């Protein structure tokens, strides 16, 4: 995981951007998945996406949800194409 303390300042702080770049590069070379925590705005999301960080979490995407609320959100996003019986 990339801690939110780095993510918070990646668009504006050169050192945090360099540390984040290094974490992403190292994970990529080791074939590891990486998750960026605390993504709260489009600038942070774009910075990470441009560096091939594909997994992100934070208020930019959603507030924390219970399991049932998350399922409801998925069902709504699926537009009725959710598998039957599940």
N, C-alpha and C. Protein backbone atom coordinates (compact mmCIF):
# COMPACT_ATOMS: atom_id res chain seq x y z
N UNK A 1 0.84 -1.19 0.00
CA UNK A 1 0.00 0.00 0.00
C UNK A 1 0.88 1.25 0.00
N UNK A 2 0.39 2.24 -0.69
CA UNK A 2 1.02 3.56 -0.62
C UNK A 2 0.22 4.35 0.41
N UNK A 3 0.87 4.75 1.47
CA UNK A 3 0.19 5.43 2.56
C UNK A 3 -0.39 6.76 2.11
N UNK A 4 -1.53 7.10 2.69
CA UNK A 4 -2.20 8.35 2.33
C UNK A 4 -1.36 9.58 2.63
N UNK A 5 -0.39 9.47 3.53
CA UNK A 5 0.45 10.64 3.82
C UNK A 5 1.29 11.03 2.61
N UNK A 6 1.62 10.07 1.72
CA UNK A 6 2.31 10.39 0.47
C UNK A 6 1.32 10.81 -0.59
N UNK A 7 0.21 10.07 -0.69
CA UNK A 7 -0.80 10.34 -1.71
C UNK A 7 -1.36 11.75 -1.57
N UNK A 8 -1.54 12.18 -0.35
CA UNK A 8 -2.14 13.49 -0.07
C UNK A 8 -1.42 14.62 -0.81
N UNK A 9 -0.08 14.51 -0.93
CA UNK A 9 0.69 15.62 -1.49
C UNK A 9 1.36 15.32 -2.84
N UNK A 10 1.05 14.18 -3.46
CA UNK A 10 1.77 13.83 -4.70
C UNK A 10 1.69 14.88 -5.80
N UNK A 11 0.56 15.54 -6.00
CA UNK A 11 0.56 16.51 -7.11
C UNK A 11 1.39 17.76 -6.84
N UNK A 12 1.72 18.03 -5.56
CA UNK A 12 2.35 19.31 -5.24
C UNK A 12 3.71 19.19 -4.55
N UNK A 13 4.03 18.04 -3.99
CA UNK A 13 5.28 17.87 -3.24
C UNK A 13 6.22 16.95 -4.02
N UNK A 14 7.34 17.48 -4.46
CA UNK A 14 8.27 16.72 -5.30
C UNK A 14 8.80 15.47 -4.59
N UNK A 15 9.13 15.58 -3.32
CA UNK A 15 9.67 14.42 -2.59
C UNK A 15 8.64 13.32 -2.44
N UNK A 16 7.41 13.67 -2.11
CA UNK A 16 6.36 12.66 -1.99
C UNK A 16 6.08 12.02 -3.35
N UNK A 17 6.14 12.81 -4.41
CA UNK A 17 5.94 12.26 -5.75
C UNK A 17 7.07 11.28 -6.10
N UNK A 18 8.30 11.61 -5.75
CA UNK A 18 9.42 10.72 -6.03
C UNK A 18 9.34 9.43 -5.22
N UNK A 19 8.95 9.52 -3.97
CA UNK A 19 8.79 8.32 -3.14
C UNK A 19 7.69 7.45 -3.71
N UNK A 20 6.59 8.06 -4.09
CA UNK A 20 5.47 7.32 -4.67
C UNK A 20 5.88 6.66 -5.98
N UNK A 21 6.60 7.37 -6.82
CA UNK A 21 7.12 6.79 -8.07
C UNK A 21 7.99 5.57 -7.77
N UNK A 22 8.85 5.68 -6.77
CA UNK A 22 9.76 4.58 -6.43
C UNK A 22 8.98 3.36 -5.92
N UNK A 23 7.97 3.58 -5.11
CA UNK A 23 7.15 2.48 -4.60
C UNK A 23 6.45 1.76 -5.75
N UNK A 24 5.86 2.53 -6.65
CA UNK A 24 5.16 1.94 -7.80
C UNK A 24 6.13 1.17 -8.69
N UNK A 25 7.31 1.75 -8.97
CA UNK A 25 8.30 1.09 -9.82
C UNK A 25 8.78 -0.21 -9.19
N UNK A 26 9.06 -0.19 -7.89
CA UNK A 26 9.53 -1.39 -7.21
C UNK A 26 8.46 -2.48 -7.23
N UNK A 27 7.24 -2.13 -6.93
CA UNK A 27 6.15 -3.11 -6.95
C UNK A 27 5.98 -3.69 -8.35
N UNK A 28 6.08 -2.85 -9.36
CA UNK A 28 5.94 -3.31 -10.73
C UNK A 28 7.03 -4.31 -11.10
N UNK A 29 8.26 -4.00 -10.74
CA UNK A 29 9.38 -4.90 -11.05
C UNK A 29 9.26 -6.24 -10.33
N UNK A 30 8.61 -6.23 -9.17
CA UNK A 30 8.44 -7.46 -8.39
C UNK A 30 7.10 -8.15 -8.69
N UNK A 31 6.38 -7.63 -9.67
CA UNK A 31 5.05 -8.16 -10.03
C UNK A 31 4.09 -8.20 -8.85
N UNK A 32 4.11 -7.15 -8.05
CA UNK A 32 3.22 -7.03 -6.90
C UNK A 32 2.10 -6.05 -7.20
N UNK A 33 0.95 -6.33 -6.66
CA UNK A 33 -0.14 -5.35 -6.74
C UNK A 33 0.10 -4.29 -5.69
N UNK A 34 -0.34 -3.09 -5.98
CA UNK A 34 -0.17 -1.99 -5.05
C UNK A 34 -1.46 -1.20 -4.97
N UNK A 35 -1.79 -0.75 -3.78
CA UNK A 35 -3.00 0.03 -3.55
C UNK A 35 -2.60 1.38 -2.98
N UNK A 36 -3.10 2.44 -3.57
CA UNK A 36 -2.87 3.78 -3.06
C UNK A 36 -4.04 4.14 -2.14
N UNK A 37 -3.72 4.50 -0.91
CA UNK A 37 -4.74 4.86 0.08
C UNK A 37 -4.99 6.36 0.08
N UNK A 38 -6.20 6.73 0.42
CA UNK A 38 -6.50 8.13 0.69
C UNK A 38 -6.62 9.02 -0.53
N UNK A 39 -7.03 8.46 -1.67
CA UNK A 39 -7.21 9.28 -2.87
C UNK A 39 -8.47 10.12 -2.68
N UNK A 40 -8.31 11.43 -2.67
CA UNK A 40 -9.43 12.32 -2.37
C UNK A 40 -9.76 13.30 -3.48
N UNK A 41 -8.93 13.39 -4.52
CA UNK A 41 -9.25 14.35 -5.58
C UNK A 41 -8.72 13.87 -6.92
N UNK A 42 -9.15 14.53 -7.97
CA UNK A 42 -8.81 14.12 -9.33
C UNK A 42 -7.31 14.26 -9.59
N UNK A 43 -6.65 15.24 -9.02
CA UNK A 43 -5.21 15.41 -9.21
C UNK A 43 -4.42 14.21 -8.71
N UNK A 44 -4.79 13.73 -7.53
CA UNK A 44 -4.13 12.54 -6.98
C UNK A 44 -4.41 11.32 -7.85
N UNK A 45 -5.66 11.16 -8.24
CA UNK A 45 -6.06 10.02 -9.05
C UNK A 45 -5.32 10.03 -10.39
N UNK A 46 -5.25 11.18 -11.04
CA UNK A 46 -4.57 11.28 -12.33
C UNK A 46 -3.07 11.02 -12.20
N UNK A 47 -2.45 11.53 -11.15
CA UNK A 47 -1.03 11.30 -10.90
C UNK A 47 -0.76 9.80 -10.81
N UNK A 48 -1.55 9.10 -10.01
CA UNK A 48 -1.36 7.66 -9.80
C UNK A 48 -1.68 6.86 -11.07
N UNK A 49 -2.76 7.21 -11.74
CA UNK A 49 -3.13 6.49 -12.96
C UNK A 49 -2.07 6.65 -14.04
N UNK A 50 -1.47 7.82 -14.13
CA UNK A 50 -0.42 8.06 -15.13
C UNK A 50 0.80 7.19 -14.87
N UNK A 51 0.94 6.72 -13.64
CA UNK A 51 2.08 5.87 -13.28
C UNK A 51 1.68 4.40 -13.17
N UNK A 52 0.55 4.07 -13.76
CA UNK A 52 0.05 2.69 -13.81
C UNK A 52 -0.32 2.12 -12.46
N UNK A 53 -0.65 2.96 -11.49
CA UNK A 53 -1.19 2.48 -10.22
C UNK A 53 -2.68 2.26 -10.47
N UNK A 54 -3.09 1.02 -10.54
CA UNK A 54 -4.45 0.68 -10.95
C UNK A 54 -5.42 0.50 -9.80
N UNK A 55 -4.91 0.30 -8.59
CA UNK A 55 -5.79 0.09 -7.44
C UNK A 55 -5.68 1.29 -6.50
N UNK A 56 -6.81 1.92 -6.27
CA UNK A 56 -6.85 3.11 -5.42
C UNK A 56 -8.09 3.04 -4.53
N UNK A 57 -7.96 3.61 -3.36
CA UNK A 57 -9.13 3.71 -2.49
C UNK A 57 -9.13 5.08 -1.84
N UNK A 58 -10.32 5.55 -1.54
CA UNK A 58 -10.44 6.84 -0.88
C UNK A 58 -11.76 7.51 -1.18
N UNK A 59 -11.98 8.64 -0.55
CA UNK A 59 -13.24 9.36 -0.68
C UNK A 59 -13.52 9.85 -2.09
N UNK A 60 -12.50 9.94 -2.95
CA UNK A 60 -12.75 10.33 -4.34
C UNK A 60 -13.70 9.34 -5.00
N UNK A 61 -13.60 8.08 -4.60
CA UNK A 61 -14.41 7.02 -5.20
C UNK A 61 -15.68 6.74 -4.40
N UNK A 62 -15.56 6.72 -3.08
CA UNK A 62 -16.72 6.42 -2.23
C UNK A 62 -16.35 6.62 -0.77
N UNK A 63 -17.34 6.94 -0.01
CA UNK A 63 -17.16 6.93 1.45
C UNK A 63 -17.10 5.46 1.89
N UNK A 64 -16.60 5.17 3.08
CA UNK A 64 -16.61 3.79 3.56
C UNK A 64 -18.04 3.25 3.59
N UNK A 65 -18.20 2.00 3.14
CA UNK A 65 -19.53 1.39 3.06
C UNK A 65 -19.57 0.07 3.83
N UNK A 66 -20.73 -0.25 4.38
CA UNK A 66 -20.93 -1.57 4.95
C UNK A 66 -21.00 -2.57 3.79
N UNK A 67 -20.89 -3.85 4.12
CA UNK A 67 -20.95 -4.88 3.07
C UNK A 67 -22.27 -4.82 2.32
N UNK A 68 -23.38 -4.62 3.03
CA UNK A 68 -24.68 -4.59 2.36
C UNK A 68 -24.82 -3.34 1.47
N UNK A 69 -24.31 -2.21 1.92
CA UNK A 69 -24.37 -1.00 1.11
C UNK A 69 -23.47 -1.14 -0.13
N UNK A 70 -22.33 -1.80 0.03
CA UNK A 70 -21.44 -2.04 -1.10
C UNK A 70 -22.11 -2.95 -2.13
N UNK A 71 -22.78 -4.00 -1.66
CA UNK A 71 -23.49 -4.89 -2.57
C UNK A 71 -24.59 -4.14 -3.32
N UNK A 72 -25.31 -3.28 -2.60
CA UNK A 72 -26.37 -2.50 -3.24
C UNK A 72 -25.78 -1.58 -4.33
N UNK A 73 -24.65 -0.98 -4.04
CA UNK A 73 -23.98 -0.12 -5.02
C UNK A 73 -23.56 -0.92 -6.25
N UNK A 74 -23.01 -2.12 -6.04
CA UNK A 74 -22.62 -2.96 -7.16
C UNK A 74 -23.82 -3.38 -8.00
N UNK A 75 -24.90 -3.75 -7.33
CA UNK A 75 -26.11 -4.16 -8.05
C UNK A 75 -26.63 -3.00 -8.91
N UNK A 76 -26.63 -1.81 -8.34
CA UNK A 76 -27.11 -0.64 -9.08
C UNK A 76 -26.20 -0.35 -10.28
N UNK A 77 -24.90 -0.45 -10.08
CA UNK A 77 -23.94 -0.20 -11.16
C UNK A 77 -24.06 -1.25 -12.26
N UNK A 78 -24.43 -2.47 -11.88
CA UNK A 78 -24.57 -3.55 -12.86
C UNK A 78 -25.83 -3.39 -13.70
N UNK A 79 -26.72 -2.51 -13.30
CA UNK A 79 -27.92 -2.22 -14.09
C UNK A 79 -28.79 -3.44 -14.34
N UNK A 80 -28.96 -4.28 -13.32
CA UNK A 80 -29.81 -5.45 -13.47
C UNK A 80 -29.11 -6.65 -14.08
N UNK A 81 -27.82 -6.53 -14.34
CA UNK A 81 -27.08 -7.64 -14.93
C UNK A 81 -26.36 -8.48 -13.87
N UNK A 82 -26.76 -8.32 -12.62
CA UNK A 82 -26.16 -9.07 -11.52
C UNK A 82 -26.57 -10.53 -11.65
N UNK A 83 -25.67 -11.48 -11.45
CA UNK A 83 -26.04 -12.89 -11.59
C UNK A 83 -27.19 -13.28 -10.68
N UNK A 84 -28.13 -14.01 -11.22
CA UNK A 84 -29.29 -14.45 -10.47
C UNK A 84 -28.87 -15.45 -9.39
N UNK A 85 -29.60 -15.45 -8.30
CA UNK A 85 -29.34 -16.41 -7.22
C UNK A 85 -28.13 -16.08 -6.37
N UNK A 86 -27.57 -14.89 -6.56
CA UNK A 86 -26.40 -14.52 -5.75
C UNK A 86 -26.65 -13.24 -5.02
